[in-house]
């Protein structure tokens, strides 16, 4: 039997629940639900977007995380913000899901700079290097939260949900 590394990579990705793009880069994060343009983002996609940093303290240790603002990802997916969000869209939220099934919620106005403007970062770097193994491949960082339960390790999916149409 011939050794086929590409076939093995595809099989491994399927077992891990990953989707491969034409470049064979695994999808790290999907953005779906009430969006105009659902996204399947790879590490290359995230690296090409505007970058930001956030300081995050947990258990007495402070680390600097680098990544992309959740707001920028949602804009790329076609989520309306500002005045376009007033009215019925105000009853919308973001459901973030980790690979292990852990879920957290952000109200959409929390993310909008014209309302609350929480700087939630979808991070792929920690202190200039890779994330810790438990955080990989990406982590949601909500540095403004006093309790850090919404800073999701191993983030896999963001779903935008509208309660009223």
N, C-alpha and C. Protein backbone atom coordinates (compact mmCIF):
# COMPACT_ATOMS: atom_id res chain seq x y z
N UNK A 1 0.84 -1.18 0.00
CA UNK A 1 0.00 0.00 0.00
C UNK A 1 0.88 1.24 0.00
N UNK A 2 0.62 2.17 -0.89
CA UNK A 2 1.43 3.38 -1.02
C UNK A 2 1.09 4.35 0.10
N UNK A 3 2.11 5.03 0.57
CA UNK A 3 1.96 6.05 1.61
C UNK A 3 1.47 7.33 0.97
N UNK A 4 0.35 7.86 1.45
CA UNK A 4 -0.22 9.08 0.89
C UNK A 4 -0.36 10.12 2.00
N UNK A 5 0.64 11.00 2.17
CA UNK A 5 0.59 11.98 3.26
C UNK A 5 -0.60 12.93 3.17
N UNK A 6 -0.98 13.33 1.95
CA UNK A 6 -2.10 14.25 1.82
C UNK A 6 -3.40 13.58 2.27
N UNK A 7 -3.59 12.33 1.89
CA UNK A 7 -4.79 11.60 2.30
C UNK A 7 -4.83 11.43 3.82
N UNK A 8 -3.68 11.18 4.42
CA UNK A 8 -3.62 11.06 5.87
C UNK A 8 -3.93 12.38 6.55
N UNK A 9 -3.46 13.49 6.00
CA UNK A 9 -3.73 14.82 6.57
C UNK A 9 -5.22 15.13 6.50
N UNK A 10 -5.86 14.79 5.38
CA UNK A 10 -7.29 15.02 5.24
C UNK A 10 -8.05 14.16 6.24
N UNK A 11 -7.67 12.89 6.38
CA UNK A 11 -8.32 12.00 7.34
C UNK A 11 -8.17 12.52 8.76
N UNK A 12 -6.97 12.96 9.11
CA UNK A 12 -6.73 13.49 10.45
C UNK A 12 -7.57 14.74 10.69
N UNK A 13 -7.65 15.61 9.69
CA UNK A 13 -8.45 16.84 9.83
C UNK A 13 -9.92 16.51 10.03
N UNK A 14 -10.42 15.52 9.30
CA UNK A 14 -11.81 15.13 9.45
C UNK A 14 -12.08 14.56 10.84
N UNK A 15 -11.14 13.78 11.35
CA UNK A 15 -11.28 13.24 12.70
C UNK A 15 -11.29 14.34 13.74
N UNK A 16 -10.54 15.41 13.51
CA UNK A 16 -10.47 16.52 14.46
C UNK A 16 -11.59 17.53 14.25
N UNK A 17 -12.43 17.30 13.24
CA UNK A 17 -13.52 18.22 12.98
C UNK A 17 -13.10 19.48 12.24
N UNK A 18 -11.98 19.43 11.56
CA UNK A 18 -11.49 20.59 10.81
C UNK A 18 -11.88 20.48 9.35
N UNK A 19 -12.00 21.61 8.70
CA UNK A 19 -12.27 21.66 7.28
C UNK A 19 -11.02 22.16 6.59
N UNK A 20 -10.65 21.54 5.47
CA UNK A 20 -9.46 21.99 4.75
C UNK A 20 -9.86 22.86 3.58
N UNK A 21 -9.13 23.93 3.37
CA UNK A 21 -9.30 24.81 2.24
C UNK A 21 -8.43 24.27 1.11
N UNK A 22 -8.49 24.93 -0.03
CA UNK A 22 -7.66 24.51 -1.17
C UNK A 22 -6.18 24.55 -0.82
N UNK A 23 -5.78 25.43 0.08
CA UNK A 23 -4.37 25.54 0.46
C UNK A 23 -3.98 24.50 1.50
N UNK A 24 -4.91 23.64 1.88
CA UNK A 24 -4.70 22.62 2.91
C UNK A 24 -4.49 23.22 4.30
N UNK A 25 -4.79 24.51 4.48
CA UNK A 25 -4.73 25.13 5.79
C UNK A 25 -6.01 24.81 6.53
N UNK A 26 -5.91 24.33 7.76
CA UNK A 26 -7.14 24.00 8.49
C UNK A 26 -7.91 25.26 8.88
N UNK A 27 -9.21 25.15 8.87
CA UNK A 27 -10.06 26.23 9.33
C UNK A 27 -9.97 26.27 10.85
N UNK A 28 -9.64 27.45 11.38
CA UNK A 28 -9.52 27.60 12.83
C UNK A 28 -10.81 28.09 13.46
N UNK A 29 -11.55 28.90 12.70
CA UNK A 29 -12.74 29.54 13.26
C UNK A 29 -13.78 29.73 12.18
N UNK A 30 -15.03 29.40 12.51
CA UNK A 30 -16.13 29.69 11.60
C UNK A 30 -17.00 30.77 12.23
N UNK A 31 -17.53 31.63 11.37
CA UNK A 31 -18.48 32.66 11.80
C UNK A 31 -19.72 32.45 10.95
N UNK A 32 -20.84 32.20 11.62
CA UNK A 32 -22.06 31.82 10.91
C UNK A 32 -23.28 32.38 11.61
N UNK A 33 -24.45 31.99 11.14
CA UNK A 33 -25.70 32.45 11.73
C UNK A 33 -26.23 33.65 10.97
N UNK A 34 -26.69 34.67 11.69
CA UNK A 34 -27.29 35.87 11.11
C UNK A 34 -26.22 36.81 10.59
N UNK A 35 -25.48 36.34 9.58
CA UNK A 35 -24.43 37.13 8.94
C UNK A 35 -24.67 37.12 7.44
N UNK A 36 -24.24 38.16 6.75
CA UNK A 36 -24.38 38.21 5.29
C UNK A 36 -23.41 37.25 4.62
N UNK A 37 -22.19 37.14 5.18
CA UNK A 37 -21.14 36.33 4.58
C UNK A 37 -20.55 35.39 5.63
N UNK A 38 -21.00 34.14 5.71
CA UNK A 38 -20.38 33.20 6.64
C UNK A 38 -18.88 33.07 6.33
N UNK A 39 -18.08 32.93 7.35
CA UNK A 39 -16.63 32.85 7.19
C UNK A 39 -16.08 31.54 7.73
N UNK A 40 -15.05 31.03 7.07
CA UNK A 40 -14.27 29.88 7.54
C UNK A 40 -12.82 30.36 7.50
N UNK A 41 -12.30 30.78 8.65
CA UNK A 41 -11.01 31.46 8.72
C UNK A 41 -9.86 30.52 9.07
N UNK A 42 -8.77 30.66 8.31
CA UNK A 42 -7.54 29.91 8.57
C UNK A 42 -6.54 30.83 9.28
N UNK A 43 -5.42 30.27 9.69
CA UNK A 43 -4.36 31.08 10.30
C UNK A 43 -3.87 32.14 9.33
N UNK A 44 -3.76 31.80 8.04
CA UNK A 44 -3.35 32.78 7.03
C UNK A 44 -4.34 33.93 6.93
N UNK A 45 -5.64 33.62 6.97
CA UNK A 45 -6.66 34.67 6.92
C UNK A 45 -6.50 35.64 8.08
N UNK A 46 -6.34 35.09 9.28
CA UNK A 46 -6.20 35.93 10.48
C UNK A 46 -4.93 36.77 10.42
N UNK A 47 -3.85 36.20 9.92
CA UNK A 47 -2.57 36.92 9.84
C UNK A 47 -2.63 38.11 8.90
N UNK A 48 -3.52 38.07 7.90
CA UNK A 48 -3.63 39.15 6.92
C UNK A 48 -4.52 40.30 7.37
N UNK A 49 -5.25 40.11 8.46
CA UNK A 49 -6.18 41.13 8.93
C UNK A 49 -5.48 42.11 9.86
N UNK A 50 -6.09 43.30 10.08
CA UNK A 50 -5.49 44.26 11.03
C UNK A 50 -5.31 43.61 12.40
N UNK A 51 -4.15 43.82 13.00
CA UNK A 51 -3.81 43.16 14.26
C UNK A 51 -3.90 44.14 15.43
N UNK A 52 -4.15 43.60 16.59
CA UNK A 52 -4.20 44.39 17.81
C UNK A 52 -3.67 43.53 18.96
N UNK A 53 -3.43 44.17 20.09
CA UNK A 53 -2.96 43.44 21.28
C UNK A 53 -3.88 43.77 22.46
N UNK A 54 -3.83 42.91 23.45
CA UNK A 54 -4.57 43.11 24.69
C UNK A 54 -3.77 42.49 25.83
N UNK A 55 -3.67 43.23 26.91
CA UNK A 55 -3.06 42.70 28.13
C UNK A 55 -4.15 41.96 28.90
N UNK A 56 -3.77 40.82 29.45
CA UNK A 56 -4.74 39.97 30.11
C UNK A 56 -4.09 39.38 31.35
N UNK A 57 -4.71 39.63 32.50
CA UNK A 57 -4.17 39.10 33.75
C UNK A 57 -5.08 38.00 34.26
N UNK A 58 -4.44 36.88 34.58
CA UNK A 58 -5.18 35.74 35.12
C UNK A 58 -4.29 35.01 36.11
N UNK A 59 -4.83 34.72 37.27
CA UNK A 59 -4.11 33.99 38.32
C UNK A 59 -2.78 34.66 38.65
N UNK A 60 -2.77 36.00 38.69
CA UNK A 60 -1.57 36.75 39.06
C UNK A 60 -0.53 36.88 37.96
N UNK A 61 -0.79 36.34 36.78
CA UNK A 61 0.15 36.42 35.66
C UNK A 61 -0.45 37.30 34.56
N UNK A 62 0.35 38.24 34.07
CA UNK A 62 -0.09 39.10 32.98
C UNK A 62 0.60 38.67 31.69
N UNK A 63 -0.18 38.58 30.63
CA UNK A 63 0.37 38.21 29.33
C UNK A 63 -0.21 39.15 28.28
N UNK A 64 0.56 39.35 27.21
CA UNK A 64 0.09 40.16 26.09
C UNK A 64 -0.34 39.21 24.97
N UNK A 65 -1.59 39.38 24.54
CA UNK A 65 -2.14 38.56 23.47
C UNK A 65 -2.26 39.39 22.22
N UNK A 66 -2.02 38.76 21.08
CA UNK A 66 -2.12 39.44 19.79
C UNK A 66 -3.10 38.67 18.91
N UNK A 67 -3.89 39.44 18.18
CA UNK A 67 -4.84 38.82 17.27
C UNK A 67 -5.67 39.86 16.54
N UNK A 68 -6.89 39.49 16.24
CA UNK A 68 -7.82 40.31 15.46
C UNK A 68 -9.01 40.65 16.35
N UNK A 69 -9.49 41.89 16.24
CA UNK A 69 -10.68 42.25 17.00
C UNK A 69 -11.89 41.47 16.51
N UNK A 70 -12.69 40.98 17.44
CA UNK A 70 -13.93 40.30 17.10
C UNK A 70 -14.79 41.22 16.25
N UNK A 71 -14.82 42.50 16.58
CA UNK A 71 -15.60 43.48 15.80
C UNK A 71 -15.20 43.44 14.33
N UNK A 72 -13.89 43.43 14.04
CA UNK A 72 -13.42 43.41 12.65
C UNK A 72 -13.86 42.13 11.93
N UNK A 73 -13.85 41.01 12.64
CA UNK A 73 -14.29 39.76 12.03
C UNK A 73 -15.79 39.80 11.72
N UNK A 74 -16.56 40.38 12.63
CA UNK A 74 -18.00 40.47 12.42
C UNK A 74 -18.33 41.43 11.29
N UNK A 75 -17.59 42.53 11.17
CA UNK A 75 -17.78 43.45 10.04
C UNK A 75 -17.49 42.73 8.74
N UNK A 76 -16.40 41.93 8.71
CA UNK A 76 -16.06 41.16 7.51
C UNK A 76 -17.16 40.17 7.14
N UNK A 77 -17.86 39.68 8.15
CA UNK A 77 -18.95 38.73 7.92
C UNK A 77 -20.26 39.46 7.55
N UNK A 78 -20.24 40.79 7.55
CA UNK A 78 -21.42 41.55 7.13
C UNK A 78 -22.42 41.83 8.23
N UNK A 79 -21.99 41.80 9.49
CA UNK A 79 -22.89 42.13 10.59
C UNK A 79 -23.04 43.64 10.65
N UNK A 80 -24.29 44.14 10.70
CA UNK A 80 -24.49 45.59 10.75
C UNK A 80 -24.19 46.14 12.15
N UNK A 81 -23.54 47.29 12.19
CA UNK A 81 -23.23 47.96 13.46
C UNK A 81 -23.66 49.41 13.37
N UNK A 82 -23.52 50.13 14.47
CA UNK A 82 -23.88 51.55 14.51
C UNK A 82 -25.37 51.72 14.36
N UNK A 83 -25.77 52.75 13.63
CA UNK A 83 -27.20 53.04 13.44
C UNK A 83 -27.94 51.90 12.74
N UNK A 84 -27.23 51.13 11.92
CA UNK A 84 -27.86 50.00 11.22
C UNK A 84 -28.27 48.89 12.18
N UNK A 85 -27.73 48.93 13.40
CA UNK A 85 -28.05 47.89 14.37
C UNK A 85 -29.23 48.28 15.26
N UNK A 86 -29.64 49.53 15.27
CA UNK A 86 -30.72 49.94 16.16
C UNK A 86 -32.04 49.30 15.72
N UNK A 87 -32.96 49.22 16.65
CA UNK A 87 -34.24 48.57 16.38
C UNK A 87 -34.15 47.08 16.67
N UNK A 88 -34.77 46.28 15.81
CA UNK A 88 -34.82 44.84 16.02
C UNK A 88 -33.44 44.17 16.14
N UNK A 89 -32.43 44.61 15.37
CA UNK A 89 -31.12 43.97 15.51
C UNK A 89 -30.48 44.13 16.90
N UNK A 90 -31.01 45.06 17.73
CA UNK A 90 -30.46 45.21 19.08
C UNK A 90 -30.67 43.94 19.91
N UNK A 91 -31.63 43.13 19.54
CA UNK A 91 -31.89 41.87 20.24
C UNK A 91 -31.09 40.76 19.58
N UNK A 92 -29.79 40.97 19.46
CA UNK A 92 -28.90 39.99 18.84
C UNK A 92 -27.76 39.68 19.80
N UNK A 93 -27.23 38.49 19.66
CA UNK A 93 -26.09 38.12 20.50
C UNK A 93 -25.13 37.23 19.74
N UNK A 94 -23.95 37.08 20.31
CA UNK A 94 -22.91 36.23 19.75
C UNK A 94 -22.75 35.04 20.68
N UNK A 95 -22.84 33.86 20.12
CA UNK A 95 -22.60 32.63 20.87
C UNK A 95 -21.26 32.08 20.43
N UNK A 96 -20.29 32.10 21.34
CA UNK A 96 -18.94 31.62 21.04
C UNK A 96 -18.80 30.22 21.62
N UNK A 97 -18.29 29.29 20.80
CA UNK A 97 -18.19 27.89 21.20
C UNK A 97 -16.76 27.40 21.06
N UNK A 98 -16.26 26.77 22.12
CA UNK A 98 -14.93 26.16 22.12
C UNK A 98 -15.02 24.75 21.55
N UNK A 99 -13.87 24.19 21.22
CA UNK A 99 -13.82 22.83 20.67
C UNK A 99 -14.38 21.78 21.63
N UNK A 100 -14.30 22.06 22.95
CA UNK A 100 -14.83 21.10 23.93
C UNK A 100 -16.31 21.33 24.24
N UNK A 101 -16.95 22.28 23.53
CA UNK A 101 -18.37 22.53 23.73
C UNK A 101 -18.68 23.67 24.69
N UNK A 102 -17.69 24.21 25.38
CA UNK A 102 -17.90 25.34 26.29
C UNK A 102 -18.43 26.53 25.48
N UNK A 103 -19.46 27.22 26.01
CA UNK A 103 -20.06 28.33 25.28
C UNK A 103 -20.20 29.57 26.16
N UNK A 104 -20.06 30.74 25.52
CA UNK A 104 -20.28 32.02 26.19
C UNK A 104 -21.07 32.92 25.25
N UNK A 105 -21.67 33.96 25.84
CA UNK A 105 -22.50 34.89 25.08
C UNK A 105 -22.01 36.32 25.27
N UNK A 106 -22.01 37.09 24.18
CA UNK A 106 -21.82 38.53 24.20
C UNK A 106 -23.03 39.14 23.50
N UNK A 107 -23.63 40.17 24.09
CA UNK A 107 -24.66 40.92 23.37
C UNK A 107 -23.97 41.68 22.25
N UNK A 108 -24.56 41.70 21.08
CA UNK A 108 -23.94 42.37 19.93
C UNK A 108 -23.58 43.83 20.23
N UNK A 109 -24.43 44.61 20.93
CA UNK A 109 -24.04 45.99 21.23
C UNK A 109 -22.79 46.11 22.11
N UNK A 110 -22.45 45.08 22.86
CA UNK A 110 -21.21 45.12 23.65
C UNK A 110 -19.98 45.29 22.76
N UNK A 111 -20.03 44.73 21.57
CA UNK A 111 -18.89 44.70 20.65
C UNK A 111 -18.81 45.97 19.81
N UNK A 112 -19.93 46.62 19.58
CA UNK A 112 -20.01 47.79 18.71
C UNK A 112 -19.36 49.01 19.36
N UNK A 113 -18.34 49.62 18.71
CA UNK A 113 -17.69 50.81 19.27
C UNK A 113 -18.64 51.99 19.47
N UNK A 114 -19.75 52.04 18.74
CA UNK A 114 -20.71 53.13 18.91
C UNK A 114 -21.63 52.91 20.11
N UNK A 115 -21.61 51.73 20.69
CA UNK A 115 -22.39 51.46 21.89
C UNK A 115 -21.42 51.29 23.05
N UNK A 116 -21.02 50.07 23.34
CA UNK A 116 -20.12 49.82 24.47
C UNK A 116 -18.67 49.71 24.01
N UNK A 117 -18.42 49.06 22.89
CA UNK A 117 -17.08 48.99 22.33
C UNK A 117 -16.10 48.08 23.05
N UNK A 118 -16.56 46.96 23.58
CA UNK A 118 -15.65 46.01 24.23
C UNK A 118 -14.63 45.52 23.21
N UNK A 119 -13.36 45.56 23.58
CA UNK A 119 -12.29 45.13 22.68
C UNK A 119 -12.02 43.65 22.90
N UNK A 120 -12.83 42.82 22.31
CA UNK A 120 -12.65 41.37 22.39
C UNK A 120 -11.70 40.96 21.28
N UNK A 121 -10.63 40.26 21.66
CA UNK A 121 -9.58 39.89 20.71
C UNK A 121 -9.64 38.38 20.46
N UNK A 122 -9.57 38.02 19.18
CA UNK A 122 -9.45 36.62 18.80
C UNK A 122 -7.95 36.41 18.59
N UNK A 123 -7.31 35.86 19.61
CA UNK A 123 -5.85 35.82 19.68
C UNK A 123 -5.26 34.52 19.15
N UNK A 124 -4.11 34.68 18.46
CA UNK A 124 -3.35 33.52 18.01
C UNK A 124 -1.91 33.57 18.48
N UNK A 125 -1.56 34.62 19.25
CA UNK A 125 -0.21 34.74 19.81
C UNK A 125 -0.28 35.18 21.26
N UNK A 126 0.70 34.73 22.04
CA UNK A 126 0.81 35.09 23.46
C UNK A 126 2.25 35.47 23.73
N UNK A 127 2.44 36.68 24.25
CA UNK A 127 3.79 37.19 24.55
C UNK A 127 4.74 37.05 23.36
N UNK A 128 4.23 37.33 22.17
CA UNK A 128 5.04 37.30 20.95
C UNK A 128 5.29 35.92 20.37
N UNK A 129 4.82 34.89 21.01
CA UNK A 129 5.01 33.53 20.52
C UNK A 129 3.67 32.82 20.40
N UNK A 130 3.70 31.50 20.29
CA UNK A 130 2.44 30.76 20.16
C UNK A 130 1.65 30.76 21.47
N UNK A 131 0.37 30.48 21.35
CA UNK A 131 -0.46 30.30 22.54
C UNK A 131 -0.01 29.07 23.30
N UNK A 132 -0.42 28.98 24.56
CA UNK A 132 -0.16 27.76 25.33
C UNK A 132 -0.94 26.61 24.69
N UNK A 133 -0.48 25.40 24.88
CA UNK A 133 -1.13 24.23 24.27
C UNK A 133 -2.62 24.15 24.61
N UNK A 134 -2.99 24.50 25.85
CA UNK A 134 -4.40 24.45 26.24
C UNK A 134 -5.24 25.52 25.57
N UNK A 135 -4.62 26.57 25.03
CA UNK A 135 -5.34 27.68 24.42
C UNK A 135 -5.48 27.54 22.91
N UNK A 136 -4.68 26.71 22.29
CA UNK A 136 -4.60 26.61 20.83
C UNK A 136 -5.87 26.05 20.23
N UNK A 137 -6.13 26.35 18.97
CA UNK A 137 -5.33 27.15 18.06
C UNK A 137 -5.57 28.65 18.20
N UNK A 138 -6.76 29.04 18.73
CA UNK A 138 -7.01 30.46 19.00
C UNK A 138 -7.78 30.59 20.30
N UNK A 139 -7.66 31.77 20.91
CA UNK A 139 -8.37 32.04 22.15
C UNK A 139 -9.08 33.38 22.05
N UNK A 140 -10.30 33.41 22.55
CA UNK A 140 -11.03 34.67 22.66
C UNK A 140 -10.59 35.33 23.96
N UNK A 141 -10.15 36.59 23.88
CA UNK A 141 -9.71 37.33 25.06
C UNK A 141 -10.67 38.49 25.29
N UNK A 142 -11.27 38.53 26.48
CA UNK A 142 -12.16 39.61 26.87
C UNK A 142 -11.53 40.31 28.07
N UNK A 143 -10.51 41.16 27.83
CA UNK A 143 -9.74 41.72 28.94
C UNK A 143 -10.54 42.63 29.87
N UNK A 144 -11.66 43.19 29.41
CA UNK A 144 -12.46 44.08 30.24
C UNK A 144 -13.29 43.33 31.27
N UNK A 145 -13.49 42.03 31.10
CA UNK A 145 -14.27 41.24 32.06
C UNK A 145 -13.49 41.08 33.36
N UNK A 146 -14.17 41.29 34.48
CA UNK A 146 -13.51 41.12 35.78
C UNK A 146 -13.28 39.64 36.10
N UNK A 147 -14.24 38.81 35.78
CA UNK A 147 -14.05 37.37 35.83
C UNK A 147 -13.77 36.95 34.39
N UNK A 148 -12.89 36.03 34.18
CA UNK A 148 -12.44 35.73 32.82
C UNK A 148 -13.11 34.51 32.20
N UNK A 149 -14.33 34.25 32.59
CA UNK A 149 -15.03 33.07 32.09
C UNK A 149 -15.40 33.18 30.61
N UNK A 150 -15.40 34.41 30.04
CA UNK A 150 -15.73 34.56 28.61
C UNK A 150 -14.48 34.59 27.74
N UNK A 151 -13.31 34.42 28.32
CA UNK A 151 -12.08 34.31 27.53
C UNK A 151 -11.89 32.84 27.19
N UNK A 152 -12.48 32.45 26.08
CA UNK A 152 -12.64 31.05 25.69
C UNK A 152 -11.36 30.48 25.10
N UNK A 153 -10.85 29.41 25.71
CA UNK A 153 -9.72 28.66 25.13
C UNK A 153 -10.21 27.85 23.94
N UNK A 154 -9.35 27.63 22.98
CA UNK A 154 -9.61 26.73 21.87
C UNK A 154 -10.94 27.04 21.18
N UNK A 155 -11.12 28.33 20.86
CA UNK A 155 -12.34 28.81 20.21
C UNK A 155 -12.48 28.16 18.83
N UNK A 156 -13.69 27.73 18.50
CA UNK A 156 -13.93 27.05 17.22
C UNK A 156 -14.99 27.74 16.36
N UNK A 157 -16.02 28.32 17.02
CA UNK A 157 -17.14 28.85 16.24
C UNK A 157 -17.74 30.06 16.92
N UNK A 158 -18.14 31.03 16.08
CA UNK A 158 -18.91 32.18 16.54
C UNK A 158 -20.19 32.20 15.73
N UNK A 159 -21.31 32.21 16.43
CA UNK A 159 -22.60 32.26 15.77
C UNK A 159 -23.31 33.54 16.18
N UNK A 160 -23.78 34.30 15.21
CA UNK A 160 -24.58 35.50 15.47
C UNK A 160 -26.04 35.08 15.44
N UNK A 161 -26.75 35.39 16.53
CA UNK A 161 -28.14 34.98 16.69
C UNK A 161 -29.01 36.23 16.83
N UNK A 162 -30.06 36.32 16.03
CA UNK A 162 -31.04 37.41 16.12
C UNK A 162 -32.29 36.85 16.78
N UNK A 163 -32.74 37.48 17.87
CA UNK A 163 -33.93 37.01 18.56
C UNK A 163 -35.20 37.49 17.89
N UNK A 164 -35.14 38.65 17.22
CA UNK A 164 -36.31 39.20 16.52
C UNK A 164 -35.93 39.45 15.08
N UNK A 165 -36.81 39.11 14.18
CA UNK A 165 -36.54 39.34 12.75
C UNK A 165 -37.19 40.59 12.25
